[in-house]
Amino acid sequence: MFTEISLDDLETTLAKNPNQKHAVLLTMKDCEDCTANEERLKTTFKNVSEIKWYKVYLTDTTPFFAPSIVPSIVFFEGRNRLIEGYGLIQIEHMETFTQYVRSSLGLLDDVKFVPSFVE
């Protein structure tokens, strides 16, 4: 599901397809929360084929477009940032998060999602 890409190549890759929905997982190696988030996202979004998924391993540099918390997930249309989430997304909130993302990206027909929880 995730294509590994370097931070240096990310902007060019996103810009190539201005109408494509992209998700960028910002992660680190040897990070338990990062691995847990990745697995939860894979499970919850497995049937959402409209989003192209990327994984960027961070070191000392935080991308200009992203929160300074790892793990983070940032959704784009082309190179335009639309939604971001950060920290470990709890299992009980994954379905709500998925519906919110799909609605915000226009991937749910005639459904407008209203968030039902605040953390």
Protein backbone atom coordinates (compact mmCIF):
# COMPACT_ATOMS: atom_id res chain seq x y z
CA MET A 1 0.00 0.00 0.00
CA PHE A 2 2.77 2.49 0.89
CA THR A 3 5.43 3.47 -1.61
CA GLU A 4 8.60 4.51 0.17
CA ILE A 5 9.87 7.86 -1.08
CA SER A 6 12.56 10.29 0.03
CA LEU A 7 11.59 13.66 1.41
CA ASP A 8 13.63 15.31 -1.36
CA ASP A 9 11.51 13.62 -4.07
CA LEU A 10 8.13 14.12 -2.44
CA GLU A 11 7.08 17.55 -3.75
CA THR A 12 7.99 16.70 -7.35
CA THR A 13 6.11 13.41 -7.14
CA LEU A 14 2.97 15.03 -5.72
CA ALA A 15 3.06 17.85 -8.29
CA LYS A 16 3.09 15.40 -11.23
CA ASN A 17 -0.56 14.50 -10.60
CA PRO A 18 -2.44 17.66 -9.55
CA ASN A 19 -5.83 15.93 -9.25
CA GLN A 20 -4.61 12.79 -7.47
CA LYS A 21 -5.36 12.31 -3.78
CA HIS A 22 -2.18 11.42 -1.90
CA ALA A 23 -1.48 10.34 1.66
CA VAL A 24 2.01 10.77 3.11
CA LEU A 25 2.91 8.84 6.23
CA LEU A 26 5.76 10.52 8.07
CA THR A 27 7.48 7.90 10.14
CA MET A 28 10.74 6.80 11.70
CA LYS A 29 12.45 3.45 11.83
CA ASP A 30 12.34 1.61 15.17
CA CYS A 31 9.27 3.58 16.31
CA GLU A 32 6.55 1.38 17.81
CA ASP A 33 3.78 3.99 17.45
CA CYS A 34 4.80 4.55 13.82
CA THR A 35 4.52 0.85 13.04
CA ALA A 36 1.17 0.62 14.85
CA ASN A 37 -0.21 3.63 12.93
CA GLU A 38 0.95 2.21 9.62
CA GLU A 39 -0.77 -1.12 10.29
CA ARG A 40 -3.99 0.58 11.40
CA LEU A 41 -4.03 2.79 8.31
CA LYS A 42 -3.40 -0.21 6.02
CA THR A 43 -6.31 -2.08 7.58
CA THR A 44 -8.77 0.79 7.64
CA PHE A 45 -8.02 2.29 4.21
CA LYS A 46 -7.47 -0.99 2.33
CA ASN A 47 -10.61 -0.48 0.21
CA VAL A 48 -10.01 3.21 -0.56
CA SER A 49 -8.36 2.93 -3.95
CA GLU A 50 -8.62 6.65 -4.82
CA ILE A 51 -5.69 7.57 -2.55
CA LYS A 52 -2.06 6.97 -3.52
CA TRP A 53 0.02 6.22 -0.40
CA TYR A 54 3.61 7.23 0.36
CA LYS A 55 5.87 6.64 3.33
CA VAL A 56 8.68 9.04 4.22
CA TYR A 57 11.24 8.06 6.84
CA LEU A 58 12.33 11.14 8.74
CA THR A 59 15.65 11.74 10.43
CA ASP A 60 16.55 15.19 11.77
CA THR A 61 14.55 17.23 9.26
CA THR A 62 10.85 17.89 9.72
CA PRO A 63 9.13 18.76 6.43
CA PHE A 64 7.92 22.33 6.15
CA PHE A 65 4.35 21.15 5.53
CA ALA A 66 4.00 18.76 8.45
CA PRO A 67 3.44 18.70 12.16
CA SER A 68 6.57 18.13 14.21
CA ILE A 69 5.14 14.94 15.72
CA VAL A 70 5.90 11.45 14.45
CA PRO A 71 3.95 9.51 13.36
CA SER A 72 1.96 11.89 11.20
CA ILE A 73 -0.20 11.46 8.14
CA VAL A 74 -0.80 14.29 5.68
CA PHE A 75 -3.33 14.12 2.86
CA PHE A 76 -2.87 16.08 -0.36
CA GLU A 77 -4.59 16.73 -3.63
CA GLY A 78 -1.67 17.13 -5.98
CA ARG A 79 0.79 19.13 -3.90
CA ASN A 80 -1.92 20.99 -1.95
CA ARG A 81 -2.14 19.92 1.70
CA LEU A 82 -5.72 19.24 2.76
CA ILE A 83 -5.79 17.27 6.03
CA GLU A 84 -3.29 16.13 8.61
CA GLY A 85 -3.35 13.84 11.58
CA TYR A 86 -0.59 13.24 14.05
CA GLY A 87 0.28 10.92 16.86
CA LEU A 88 -0.93 7.38 17.30
CA ILE A 89 -4.53 7.14 16.11
CA GLN A 90 -6.42 4.98 18.58
CA ILE A 91 -8.07 1.85 17.18
CA GLU A 92 -11.51 2.95 18.36
CA HIS A 93 -11.18 6.19 16.32
CA MET A 94 -9.87 4.70 13.06
CA GLU A 95 -13.26 4.23 11.39
CA THR A 96 -14.29 7.78 12.30
CA PHE A 97 -10.96 9.11 11.01
CA THR A 98 -11.38 7.17 7.76
CA GLN A 99 -14.89 8.54 7.21
CA TYR A 100 -13.70 12.07 7.99
CA VAL A 101 -10.82 11.79 5.49
CA ARG A 102 -12.99 10.28 2.77
CA SER A 103 -15.65 12.97 3.25
CA SER A 104 -13.08 15.78 3.32
CA LEU A 105 -11.44 14.49 0.14
CA GLY A 106 -14.81 14.21 -1.62
CA LEU A 107 -14.68 10.42 -1.73
CA LEU A 108 -18.12 9.81 -0.20
CA ASP A 109 -21.11 10.39 -2.49
CA ASP A 110 -23.58 12.91 -1.07
CA VAL A 111 -22.36 12.43 2.51
CA LYS A 112 -21.00 15.23 4.63
CA PHE A 113 -19.20 14.00 7.70
CA VAL A 114 -19.59 15.81 11.00
CA PRO A 115 -16.92 14.81 13.54
CA SER A 116 -18.46 13.25 16.61
CA PHE A 117 -15.47 13.38 18.94
CA VAL A 118 -12.81 15.79 20.00
CA GLU A 119 -9.55 14.71 21.56
